[in-house]
Amino acid sequence: MTLFFISIVLIAALGYLAQSIGLCMVRGVNQAADGKPMFLLAILFSGVLSWISILVGYYFDIQTPFISYEFSLWALFGGFLFGFGAAVNNGCGVSTISRLARGHLAMLLTVGGWLAGWVLLTKLAPNINLVIFNLSPIWHNSMLALLSVMILFLLFSMSSYNRKVWVSMLLIGLMASIVFLTEQHWTPSALLKDISQSVWSEGKGLWPTTERFILIAALVTGMLVAALKARTFQLLPVNCSQCIKHLSAGVLMGVGAAIASGGNDTQLLLALPSFSPAGVSTVFSMLVGIYLGRKLVVLMK
């Protein structure tokens, strides 16, 4: 119970940081395309401190969720769909929630579309067999620790702004990895997945626990506090064209996340720190989907 209360505080702090720093994979891709890759790199390497939570899990005999899976073409396809949908939405998983916390009501339609996409794939999903990729725990933790040390040294040569971004991203990754010790499926995409499966099976599926809803509420609260402090909160109404746009984008994100076994939150905070070939390919295809999606959005304007 003590660890759960700590997790509530950590997840609220995570939400506050994510809102303050403007955590968004779409933003990262846009900046990288303009020759400024540091924000995107900080996002991609945000989980390198996960070895700390893994050691904590070993010490307290808590099972850690860092599992690696073999490369899959389905992961590529699902990642691309998610990335394309995120580009149309102009926001990925976590940034959709942070924009909603800032009063962007259109994000409710994205969440609704995401849920619909999960429900769709619950019934129509292809038979995807995930094959575990065996990686020695010693090698796994050693590589994460080595990357952490390298990034620590590089921080001293960065500008103050880039240093702030990297430290914020690393803290977000560390806090998320500790929360995973309490609840392995706390992420927004995992919650929507389990809700959709339960709804489709008419209650026969396992409905998410109350603790998971509490953690998401803490995440949103942290984001809301940051928005109010920065005075960026503003209720923005939704018009008809936005309804179609964000609902469609949400469906693409939901379908893609279902095929790839998780949205970008799960991939960045779990799959990449696990050195999962499936996770790496999913994130790569997400980046491609976001880049091409943003190009299409610009052309259609």
C-alpha atoms as a PDB file:
ATOM      1  CA  MET A   1       0.000   0.000   0.000  1.00  0.00           C
ATOM      2  CA  THR A   2       2.885   2.369   0.796  1.00  0.00           C
ATOM      3  CA  LEU A   3       4.388   1.736  -2.642  1.00  0.00           C
ATOM      4  CA  PHE A   4       1.019   2.506  -4.238  1.00  0.00           C
ATOM      5  CA  PHE A   5       0.792   5.884  -2.489  1.00  0.00           C
ATOM      6  CA  ILE A   6       4.346   6.617  -3.619  1.00  0.00           C
ATOM      7  CA  SER A   7       3.253   5.688  -7.145  1.00  0.00           C
ATOM      8  CA  ILE A   8       0.360   8.171  -6.978  1.00  0.00           C
ATOM      9  CA  VAL A   9       2.782  10.959  -6.066  1.00  0.00           C
ATOM     10  CA  LEU A  10       5.242   9.889  -8.774  1.00  0.00           C
ATOM     11  CA  ILE A  11       2.597   9.660 -11.486  1.00  0.00           C
ATOM     12  CA  ALA A  12       1.249  13.105 -10.572  1.00  0.00           C
ATOM     13  CA  ALA A  13       4.802  14.477 -10.755  1.00  0.00           C
ATOM     14  CA  LEU A  14       5.226  12.702 -14.096  1.00  0.00           C
ATOM     15  CA  GLY A  15       2.080  14.390 -15.407  1.00  0.00           C
ATOM     16  CA  TYR A  16       3.288  17.766 -14.168  1.00  0.00           C
ATOM     17  CA  LEU A  17       6.663  17.336 -15.878  1.00  0.00           C
ATOM     18  CA  ALA A  18       5.149  16.010 -19.109  1.00  0.00           C
ATOM     19  CA  GLN A  19       2.836  19.029 -19.311  1.00  0.00           C
ATOM     20  CA  SER A  20       5.563  21.508 -18.374  1.00  0.00           C
ATOM     21  CA  ILE A  21       8.116  20.217 -20.863  1.00  0.00           C
ATOM     22  CA  GLY A  22       5.550  19.647 -23.630  1.00  0.00           C
ATOM     23  CA  LEU A  23       6.220  15.918 -23.991  1.00  0.00           C
ATOM     24  CA  CYS A  24       5.012  14.919 -27.450  1.00  0.00           C
ATOM     25  CA  MET A  25       6.476  12.537 -30.007  1.00  0.00           C
ATOM     26  CA  VAL A  26       4.878  14.487 -32.870  1.00  0.00           C
ATOM     27  CA  ARG A  27       6.604  17.646 -31.661  1.00  0.00           C
ATOM     28  CA  GLY A  28       9.870  15.728 -31.465  1.00  0.00           C
ATOM     29  CA  VAL A  29       9.575  14.535 -35.070  1.00  0.00           C
ATOM     30  CA  ASN A  30       8.669  18.037 -36.267  1.00  0.00           C
ATOM     31  CA  GLN A  31      11.715  19.520 -34.539  1.00  0.00           C
ATOM     32  CA  ALA A  32      13.994  16.756 -35.840  1.00  0.00           C
ATOM     33  CA  ALA A  33      12.750  17.422 -39.381  1.00  0.00           C
ATOM     34  CA  ASP A  34      13.752  21.062 -38.856  1.00  0.00           C
ATOM     35  CA  GLY A  35      17.277  20.033 -37.869  1.00  0.00           C
ATOM     36  CA  LYS A  36      16.739  20.054 -34.087  1.00  0.00           C
ATOM     37  CA  PRO A  37      16.817  16.378 -33.000  1.00  0.00           C
ATOM     38  CA  MET A  38      17.601  16.818 -29.277  1.00  0.00           C
ATOM     39  CA  PHE A  39      13.979  16.808 -28.093  1.00  0.00           C
ATOM     40  CA  LEU A  40      13.202  13.593 -29.996  1.00  0.00           C
ATOM     41  CA  LEU A  41      16.419  11.927 -28.813  1.00  0.00           C
ATOM     42  CA  ALA A  42      15.561  12.796 -25.208  1.00  0.00           C
ATOM     43  CA  ILE A  43      12.163  11.134 -25.663  1.00  0.00           C
ATOM     44  CA  LEU A  44      13.666   7.993 -27.221  1.00  0.00           C
ATOM     45  CA  PHE A  45      16.251   7.598 -24.437  1.00  0.00           C
ATOM     46  CA  SER A  46      13.920   8.582 -21.593  1.00  0.00           C
ATOM     47  CA  GLY A  47      13.798   5.021 -20.258  1.00  0.00           C
ATOM     48  CA  VAL A  48      17.530   4.396 -19.776  1.00  0.00           C
ATOM     49  CA  LEU A  49      17.297   4.805 -15.983  1.00  0.00           C
ATOM     50  CA  SER A  50      14.931   1.826 -15.808  1.00  0.00           C
ATOM     51  CA  TRP A  51      17.782  -0.287 -14.459  1.00  0.00           C
ATOM     52  CA  ILE A  52      17.274   1.498 -11.131  1.00  0.00           C
ATOM     53  CA  SER A  53      13.675   0.294 -10.836  1.00  0.00           C
ATOM     54  CA  ILE A  54      14.743  -3.179 -11.983  1.00  0.00           C
ATOM     55  CA  LEU A  55      17.250  -3.351  -9.114  1.00  0.00           C
ATOM     56  CA  VAL A  56      14.565  -2.080  -6.713  1.00  0.00           C
ATOM     57  CA  GLY A  57      12.280  -4.841  -7.990  1.00  0.00           C
ATOM     58  CA  TYR A  58      14.985  -7.454  -7.428  1.00  0.00           C
ATOM     59  CA  TYR A  59      15.600  -6.179  -3.887  1.00  0.00           C
ATOM     60  CA  PHE A  60      11.921  -6.236  -2.873  1.00  0.00           C
ATOM     61  CA  ASP A  61      11.203  -9.398  -4.881  1.00  0.00           C
ATOM     62  CA  ILE A  62       8.770  -7.601  -7.215  1.00  0.00           C
ATOM     63  CA  GLN A  63       8.324  -8.914 -10.744  1.00  0.00           C
ATOM     64  CA  THR A  64       9.429  -6.352 -13.322  1.00  0.00           C
ATOM     65  CA  PRO A  65       7.501  -5.892 -16.598  1.00  0.00           C
ATOM     66  CA  PHE A  66      10.540  -5.395 -18.838  1.00  0.00           C
ATOM     67  CA  ILE A  67      10.096  -8.229 -21.354  1.00  0.00           C
ATOM     68  CA  SER A  68      11.662  -8.263 -24.814  1.00  0.00           C
ATOM     69  CA  TYR A  69       9.972  -9.652 -27.942  1.00  0.00           C
ATOM     70  CA  GLU A  70      11.300 -10.702 -31.347  1.00  0.00           C
ATOM     71  CA  PHE A  71      10.941  -8.508 -34.439  1.00  0.00           C
ATOM     72  CA  SER A  72       7.524  -8.662 -36.095  1.00  0.00           C
ATOM     73  CA  LEU A  73       6.103  -7.207 -39.319  1.00  0.00           C
ATOM     74  CA  TRP A  74       2.873  -6.650 -37.389  1.00  0.00           C
ATOM     75  CA  ALA A  75       4.798  -4.374 -35.041  1.00  0.00           C
ATOM     76  CA  LEU A  76       5.939  -2.308 -38.032  1.00  0.00           C
ATOM     77  CA  PHE A  77       2.422  -2.083 -39.440  1.00  0.00           C
ATOM     78  CA  GLY A  78       0.795  -1.244 -36.108  1.00  0.00           C
ATOM     79  CA  GLY A  79       3.431   1.348 -35.298  1.00  0.00           C
ATOM     80  CA  PHE A  80       2.952   3.057 -38.661  1.00  0.00           C
ATOM     81  CA  LEU A  81      -0.832   3.238 -38.218  1.00  0.00           C
ATOM     82  CA  PHE A  82      -0.433   4.676 -34.729  1.00  0.00           C
ATOM     83  CA  GLY A  83       2.132   7.219 -35.894  1.00  0.00           C
ATOM     84  CA  PHE A  84       0.006   8.302 -38.850  1.00  0.00           C
ATOM     85  CA  GLY A  85      -3.011   8.731 -36.580  1.00  0.00           C
ATOM     86  CA  ALA A  86      -0.921  10.696 -34.069  1.00  0.00           C
ATOM     87  CA  ALA A  87       0.228  13.000 -36.881  1.00  0.00           C
ATOM     88  CA  VAL A  88      -3.363  13.710 -37.923  1.00  0.00           C
ATOM     89  CA  ASN A  89      -4.277  14.241 -34.271  1.00  0.00           C
ATOM     90  CA  ASN A  90      -1.138  16.382 -33.773  1.00  0.00           C
ATOM     91  CA  GLY A  91      -0.502  14.536 -30.539  1.00  0.00           C
ATOM     92  CA  CYS A  92       0.553  11.050 -29.434  1.00  0.00           C
ATOM     93  CA  GLY A  93      -0.736   9.080 -26.440  1.00  0.00           C
ATOM     94  CA  VAL A  94       0.502  11.060 -23.439  1.00  0.00           C
ATOM     95  CA  SER A  95       0.291  14.421 -25.220  1.00  0.00           C
ATOM     96  CA  THR A  96      -3.358  13.707 -26.079  1.00  0.00           C
ATOM     97  CA  ILE A  97      -4.084  13.441 -22.360  1.00  0.00           C
ATOM     98  CA  SER A  98      -1.999  16.541 -21.575  1.00  0.00           C
ATOM     99  CA  ARG A  99      -3.851  18.573 -24.221  1.00  0.00           C
ATOM    100  CA  LEU A 100      -7.144  17.371 -22.770  1.00  0.00           C
ATOM    101  CA  ALA A 101      -5.935  18.557 -19.352  1.00  0.00           C
ATOM    102  CA  ARG A 102      -5.305  21.977 -20.939  1.00  0.00           C
ATOM    103  CA  GLY A 103      -8.950  22.154 -22.023  1.00  0.00           C
ATOM    104  CA  HIS A 104      -8.668  20.946 -25.625  1.00  0.00           C
ATOM    105  CA  LEU A 105     -12.038  19.181 -25.787  1.00  0.00           C
ATOM    106  CA  ALA A 106     -11.280  17.711 -29.229  1.00  0.00           C
ATOM    107  CA  MET A 107      -8.976  15.269 -27.455  1.00  0.00           C
ATOM    108  CA  LEU A 108     -12.053  13.590 -25.952  1.00  0.00           C
ATOM    109  CA  LEU A 109     -12.921  12.501 -29.488  1.00  0.00           C
ATOM    110  CA  THR A 110      -9.391  11.185 -29.974  1.00  0.00           C
ATOM    111  CA  VAL A 111      -9.714   9.123 -26.790  1.00  0.00           C
ATOM    112  CA  GLY A 112     -13.148   7.913 -27.941  1.00  0.00           C
ATOM    113  CA  GLY A 113     -11.746   6.948 -31.341  1.00  0.00           C
ATOM    114  CA  TRP A 114      -8.816   5.222 -29.671  1.00  0.00           C
ATOM    115  CA  LEU A 115     -11.218   3.196 -27.546  1.00  0.00           C
ATOM    116  CA  ALA A 116     -13.280   2.344 -30.646  1.00  0.00           C
ATOM    117  CA  GLY A 117     -10.113   1.217 -32.423  1.00  0.00           C
ATOM    118  CA  TRP A 118      -9.216  -1.117 -29.573  1.00  0.00           C
ATOM    119  CA  VAL A 119     -12.788  -2.520 -29.557  1.00  0.00           C
ATOM    120  CA  LEU A 120     -12.599  -3.052 -33.330  1.00  0.00           C
ATOM    121  CA  LEU A 121      -9.362  -5.003 -33.062  1.00  0.00           C
ATOM    122  CA  THR A 122     -10.624  -7.038 -30.101  1.00  0.00           C
ATOM    123  CA  LYS A 123     -13.017  -8.720 -32.535  1.00  0.00           C
ATOM    124  CA  LEU A 124     -11.102  -8.469 -35.809  1.00  0.00           C
ATOM    125  CA  ALA A 125      -7.487  -8.656 -34.647  1.00  0.00           C
ATOM    126  CA  PRO A 126      -5.187 -11.001 -36.581  1.00  0.00           C
ATOM    127  CA  ASN A 127      -3.613 -13.887 -34.734  1.00  0.00           C
ATOM    128  CA  ILE A 128      -0.341 -12.335 -33.600  1.00  0.00           C
ATOM    129  CA  ASN A 129       2.052 -14.601 -31.727  1.00  0.00           C
ATOM    130  CA  LEU A 130       4.622 -12.696 -29.677  1.00  0.00           C
ATOM    131  CA  VAL A 131       7.932 -14.540 -29.428  1.00  0.00           C
ATOM    132  CA  ILE A 132      10.075 -13.680 -26.411  1.00  0.00           C
ATOM    133  CA  PHE A 133      13.564 -12.388 -27.192  1.00  0.00           C
ATOM    134  CA  ASN A 134      15.921 -13.743 -24.553  1.00  0.00           C
ATOM    135  CA  LEU A 135      18.347 -11.170 -23.186  1.00  0.00           C
ATOM    136  CA  SER A 136      20.556 -11.838 -20.190  1.00  0.00           C
ATOM    137  CA  PRO A 137      19.523  -9.666 -17.193  1.00  0.00           C
ATOM    138  CA  ILE A 138      23.185  -8.832 -16.587  1.00  0.00           C
ATOM    139  CA  TRP A 139      23.648  -7.606 -20.159  1.00  0.00           C
ATOM    140  CA  HIS A 140      20.319  -5.796 -20.056  1.00  0.00           C
ATOM    141  CA  ASN A 141      21.069  -3.835 -16.882  1.00  0.00           C
ATOM    142  CA  SER A 142      24.697  -3.245 -17.865  1.00  0.00           C
ATOM    143  CA  MET A 143      23.705  -1.696 -21.204  1.00  0.00           C
ATOM    144  CA  LEU A 144      21.107   0.537 -19.546  1.00  0.00           C
ATOM    145  CA  ALA A 145      23.617   1.643 -16.893  1.00  0.00           C
ATOM    146  CA  LEU A 146      26.295   2.315 -19.531  1.00  0.00           C
ATOM    147  CA  LEU A 147      23.879   4.443 -21.570  1.00  0.00           C
ATOM    148  CA  SER A 148      22.940   6.322 -18.388  1.00  0.00           C
ATOM    149  CA  VAL A 149      26.584   7.155 -17.642  1.00  0.00           C
ATOM    150  CA  MET A 150      27.214   8.270 -21.233  1.00  0.00           C
ATOM    151  CA  ILE A 151      24.173  10.564 -21.184  1.00  0.00           C
ATOM    152  CA  LEU A 152      25.221  11.932 -17.780  1.00  0.00           C
ATOM    153  CA  PHE A 153      28.577  13.020 -19.196  1.00  0.00           C
ATOM    154  CA  LEU A 154      26.949  14.485 -22.314  1.00  0.00           C
ATOM    155  CA  LEU A 155      24.628  16.598 -20.156  1.00  0.00           C
ATOM    156  CA  PHE A 156      27.549  18.813 -19.139  1.00  0.00           C
ATOM    157  CA  SER A 157      28.212  19.806 -22.755  1.00  0.00           C
ATOM    158  CA  MET A 158      24.575  20.648 -23.554  1.00  0.00           C
ATOM    159  CA  SER A 159      22.916  24.043 -23.544  1.00  0.00           C
ATOM    160  CA  SER A 160      20.839  24.849 -20.456  1.00  0.00           C
ATOM    161  CA  TYR A 161      17.591  24.322 -22.396  1.00  0.00           C
ATOM    162  CA  ASN A 162      18.628  20.925 -23.791  1.00  0.00           C
ATOM    163  CA  ARG A 163      19.921  19.890 -20.365  1.00  0.00           C
ATOM    164  CA  LYS A 164      16.547  20.768 -18.835  1.00  0.00           C
ATOM    165  CA  VAL A 165      14.750  18.736 -21.508  1.00  0.00           C
ATOM    166  CA  TRP A 166      16.978  15.684 -21.035  1.00  0.00           C
ATOM    167  CA  VAL A 167      16.814  15.757 -17.235  1.00  0.00           C
ATOM    168  CA  SER A 168      13.021  16.095 -17.384  1.00  0.00           C
ATOM    169  CA  MET A 169      12.696  13.180 -19.815  1.00  0.00           C
ATOM    170  CA  LEU A 170      15.014  10.991 -17.751  1.00  0.00           C
ATOM    171  CA  LEU A 171      13.016  11.751 -14.602  1.00  0.00           C
ATOM    172  CA  ILE A 172       9.783  10.936 -16.435  1.00  0.00           C
ATOM    173  CA  GLY A 173      11.231   7.593 -17.526  1.00  0.00           C
ATOM    174  CA  LEU A 174      12.551   6.791 -14.047  1.00  0.00           C
ATOM    175  CA  MET A 175       9.273   7.653 -12.308  1.00  0.00           C
ATOM    176  CA  ALA A 176       7.303   5.650 -14.865  1.00  0.00           C
ATOM    177  CA  SER A 177       9.533   2.608 -14.385  1.00  0.00           C
ATOM    178  CA  ILE A 178       9.027   2.731 -10.602  1.00  0.00           C
ATOM    179  CA  VAL A 179       5.252   2.978 -11.036  1.00  0.00           C
ATOM    180  CA  PHE A 180       5.432  -0.145 -13.225  1.00  0.00           C
ATOM    181  CA  LEU A 181       6.527  -2.043 -10.105  1.00  0.00           C
ATOM    182  CA  THR A 182       3.139  -1.280  -8.541  1.00  0.00           C
ATOM    183  CA  GLU A 183       0.957  -1.541 -11.640  1.00  0.00           C
ATOM    184  CA  GLN A 184       2.391  -3.039 -14.809  1.00  0.00           C
ATOM    185  CA  HIS A 185      -0.472  -1.725 -16.965  1.00  0.00           C
ATOM    186  CA  TRP A 186      -0.892   1.838 -15.685  1.00  0.00           C
ATOM    187  CA  THR A 187      -0.329   3.613 -19.021  1.00  0.00           C
ATOM    188  CA  PRO A 188      -3.296   5.321 -20.740  1.00  0.00           C
ATOM    189  CA  SER A 189      -3.069   3.021 -23.775  1.00  0.00           C
ATOM    190  CA  ALA A 190      -3.077  -0.115 -21.595  1.00  0.00           C
ATOM    191  CA  LEU A 191      -6.098   1.166 -19.654  1.00  0.00           C
ATOM    192  CA  LEU A 192      -8.050   1.852 -22.858  1.00  0.00           C
ATOM    193  CA  LYS A 193      -7.111  -1.588 -24.160  1.00  0.00           C
ATOM    194  CA  ASP A 194      -8.495  -3.393 -21.111  1.00  0.00           C
ATOM    195  CA  ILE A 195     -11.638  -1.225 -21.030  1.00  0.00           C
ATOM    196  CA  SER A 196     -12.341  -2.038 -24.689  1.00  0.00           C
ATOM    197  CA  GLN A 197     -11.796  -5.764 -24.175  1.00  0.00           C
ATOM    198  CA  SER A 198     -14.117  -5.771 -21.177  1.00  0.00           C
ATOM    199  CA  VAL A 199     -16.791  -3.769 -23.035  1.00  0.00           C
ATOM    200  CA  TRP A 200     -16.657  -6.011 -26.103  1.00  0.00           C
ATOM    201  CA  SER A 201     -16.941  -9.197 -24.037  1.00  0.00           C
ATOM    202  CA  GLU A 202     -19.918  -7.666 -22.156  1.00  0.00           C
ATOM    203  CA  GLY A 203     -18.239  -7.765 -18.778  1.00  0.00           C
ATOM    204  CA  LYS A 204     -16.736 -11.217 -19.206  1.00  0.00           C
ATOM    205  CA  GLY A 205     -13.323  -9.656 -19.659  1.00  0.00           C
ATOM    206  CA  LEU A 206     -11.376  -8.359 -16.707  1.00  0.00           C
ATOM    207  CA  TRP A 207     -12.380  -4.752 -15.961  1.00  0.00           C
ATOM    208  CA  PRO A 208      -9.384  -2.582 -14.946  1.00  0.00           C
ATOM    209  CA  THR A 209      -8.829  -2.265 -11.220  1.00  0.00           C
ATOM    210  CA  THR A 210      -9.742   0.894  -9.320  1.00  0.00           C
ATOM    211  CA  GLU A 211      -6.050   1.512  -8.640  1.00  0.00           C
ATOM    212  CA  ARG A 212      -5.404   1.973 -12.367  1.00  0.00           C
ATOM    213  CA  PHE A 213      -8.103   4.642 -12.647  1.00  0.00           C
ATOM    214  CA  ILE A 214      -6.640   6.370  -9.579  1.00  0.00           C
ATOM    215  CA  LEU A 215      -3.201   6.461 -11.212  1.00  0.00           C
ATOM    216  CA  ILE A 216      -4.600   7.956 -14.435  1.00  0.00           C
ATOM    217  CA  ALA A 217      -6.528  10.508 -12.361  1.00  0.00           C
ATOM    218  CA  ALA A 218      -3.259  11.431 -10.625  1.00  0.00           C
ATOM    219  CA  LEU A 219      -1.567  11.776 -14.027  1.00  0.00           C
ATOM    220  CA  VAL A 220      -4.285  14.131 -15.299  1.00  0.00           C
ATOM    221  CA  THR A 221      -4.236  16.089 -12.025  1.00  0.00           C
ATOM    222  CA  GLY A 222      -0.506  16.688 -12.363  1.00  0.00           C
ATOM    223  CA  MET A 223      -1.005  17.855 -15.944  1.00  0.00           C
ATOM    224  CA  LEU A 224      -3.879  20.132 -14.932  1.00  0.00           C
ATOM    225  CA  VAL A 225      -1.853  21.741 -12.127  1.00  0.00           C
ATOM    226  CA  ALA A 226       1.001  22.427 -14.565  1.00  0.00           C
ATOM    227  CA  ALA A 227      -1.410  23.939 -17.099  1.00  0.00           C
ATOM    228  CA  LEU A 228      -3.011  26.175 -14.477  1.00  0.00           C
ATOM    229  CA  LYS A 229       0.379  27.280 -13.166  1.00  0.00           C
ATOM    230  CA  ALA A 230       1.600  28.145 -16.676  1.00  0.00           C
ATOM    231  CA  ARG A 231      -1.783  29.718 -17.482  1.00  0.00           C
ATOM    232  CA  THR A 232      -2.148  27.577 -20.594  1.00  0.00           C
ATOM    233  CA  PHE A 233      -5.509  26.109 -19.591  1.00  0.00           C
ATOM    234  CA  GLN A 234      -8.268  27.212 -21.948  1.00  0.00           C
ATOM    235  CA  LEU A 235     -11.495  25.448 -22.848  1.00  0.00           C
ATOM    236  CA  LEU A 236     -11.495  25.083 -26.621  1.00  0.00           C
ATOM    237  CA  PRO A 237     -14.824  24.018 -28.199  1.00  0.00           C
ATOM    238  CA  VAL A 238     -15.049  21.477 -31.006  1.00  0.00           C
ATOM    239  CA  ASN A 239     -16.515  22.008 -34.475  1.00  0.00           C
ATOM    240  CA  CYS A 240     -17.810  19.393 -36.910  1.00  0.00           C
ATOM    241  CA  SER A 241     -14.611  19.067 -38.953  1.00  0.00           C
ATOM    242  CA  GLN A 242     -12.570  18.594 -35.773  1.00  0.00           C
ATOM    243  CA  CYS A 243     -14.956  15.849 -34.660  1.00  0.00           C
ATOM    244  CA  ILE A 244     -14.310  13.862 -37.836  1.00  0.00           C
ATOM    245  CA  LYS A 245     -10.574  14.568 -37.800  1.00  0.00           C
ATOM    246  CA  HIS A 246      -9.845  13.614 -34.197  1.00  0.00           C
ATOM    247  CA  LEU A 247     -12.256  10.679 -34.082  1.00  0.00           C
ATOM    248  CA  SER A 248     -10.649   9.214 -37.221  1.00  0.00           C
ATOM    249  CA  ALA A 249      -7.168   9.875 -35.856  1.00  0.00           C
ATOM    250  CA  GLY A 250      -8.112   8.181 -32.593  1.00  0.00           C
ATOM    251  CA  VAL A 251      -9.387   5.091 -34.417  1.00  0.00           C
ATOM    252  CA  LEU A 252      -6.093   4.825 -36.336  1.00  0.00           C
ATOM    253  CA  MET A 253      -4.138   5.195 -33.103  1.00  0.00           C
ATOM    254  CA  GLY A 254      -6.287   2.599 -31.356  1.00  0.00           C
ATOM    255  CA  VAL A 255      -6.041   0.064 -34.180  1.00  0.00           C
ATOM    256  CA  GLY A 256      -2.300   0.642 -34.484  1.00  0.00           C
ATOM    257  CA  ALA A 257      -1.753   0.307 -30.740  1.00  0.00           C
ATOM    258  CA  ALA A 258      -3.781  -2.909 -30.676  1.00  0.00           C
ATOM    259  CA  ILE A 259      -1.731  -4.458 -33.487  1.00  0.00           C
ATOM    260  CA  ALA A 260       1.590  -3.287 -32.014  1.00  0.00           C
ATOM    261  CA  SER A 261       0.628  -4.373 -28.470  1.00  0.00           C
ATOM    262  CA  GLY A 262       0.734  -0.859 -27.054  1.00  0.00           C
ATOM    263  CA  GLY A 263       0.759   2.836 -27.845  1.00  0.00           C
ATOM    264  CA  ASN A 264       3.850   5.002 -27.851  1.00  0.00           C
ATOM    265  CA  ASP A 265       3.731   5.337 -24.045  1.00  0.00           C
ATOM    266  CA  THR A 266       4.135   1.580 -23.579  1.00  0.00           C
ATOM    267  CA  GLN A 267       6.726   1.322 -26.357  1.00  0.00           C
ATOM    268  CA  LEU A 268       8.899   4.169 -25.055  1.00  0.00           C
ATOM    269  CA  LEU A 269       8.678   3.349 -21.351  1.00  0.00           C
ATOM    270  CA  LEU A 270       8.705  -0.457 -21.526  1.00  0.00           C
ATOM    271  CA  ALA A 271       9.683  -1.860 -24.916  1.00  0.00           C
ATOM    272  CA  LEU A 272      12.688   0.364 -25.680  1.00  0.00           C
ATOM    273  CA  PRO A 273      14.266   0.016 -22.187  1.00  0.00           C
ATOM    274  CA  SER A 274      13.795  -3.750 -22.621  1.00  0.00           C
ATOM    275  CA  PHE A 275      15.826  -3.597 -25.871  1.00  0.00           C
ATOM    276  CA  SER A 276      12.919  -5.369 -27.516  1.00  0.00           C
ATOM    277  CA  PRO A 277      13.411  -5.847 -31.292  1.00  0.00           C
ATOM    278  CA  ALA A 278       9.633  -5.629 -31.687  1.00  0.00           C
ATOM    279  CA  GLY A 279       9.559  -2.420 -29.646  1.00  0.00           C
ATOM    280  CA  VAL A 280      12.427  -0.837 -31.571  1.00  0.00           C
ATOM    281  CA  SER A 281      10.759  -1.600 -34.911  1.00  0.00           C
ATOM    282  CA  THR A 282       7.415  -0.312 -33.610  1.00  0.00           C
ATOM    283  CA  VAL A 283       8.891   3.005 -32.483  1.00  0.00           C
ATOM    284  CA  PHE A 284      10.786   3.359 -35.769  1.00  0.00           C
ATOM    285  CA  SER A 285       7.603   2.839 -37.796  1.00  0.00           C
ATOM    286  CA  MET A 286       5.762   5.263 -35.490  1.00  0.00           C
ATOM    287  CA  LEU A 287       8.338   7.912 -36.338  1.00  0.00           C
ATOM    288  CA  VAL A 288       7.939   7.198 -40.063  1.00  0.00           C
ATOM    289  CA  GLY A 289       4.148   7.325 -39.726  1.00  0.00           C
ATOM    290  CA  ILE A 290       4.306  10.644 -37.875  1.00  0.00           C
ATOM    291  CA  TYR A 291       6.694  12.161 -40.424  1.00  0.00           C
ATOM    292  CA  LEU A 292       4.650  11.102 -43.464  1.00  0.00           C
ATOM    293  CA  GLY A 293       1.394  11.961 -41.720  1.00  0.00           C
ATOM    294  CA  ARG A 294       2.546  15.497 -40.963  1.00  0.00           C
ATOM    295  CA  LYS A 295       3.674  15.896 -44.579  1.00  0.00           C
ATOM    296  CA  LEU A 296       0.194  14.872 -45.736  1.00  0.00           C
ATOM    297  CA  VAL A 297      -1.505  17.229 -43.271  1.00  0.00           C
ATOM    298  CA  VAL A 298       0.597  20.138 -44.570  1.00  0.00           C
ATOM    299  CA  LEU A 299      -0.179  19.251 -48.202  1.00  0.00           C
ATOM    300  CA  MET A 300      -3.917  19.111 -47.498  1.00  0.00           C
ATOM    301  CA  LYS A 301      -4.006  22.604 -45.957  1.00  0.00           C
END
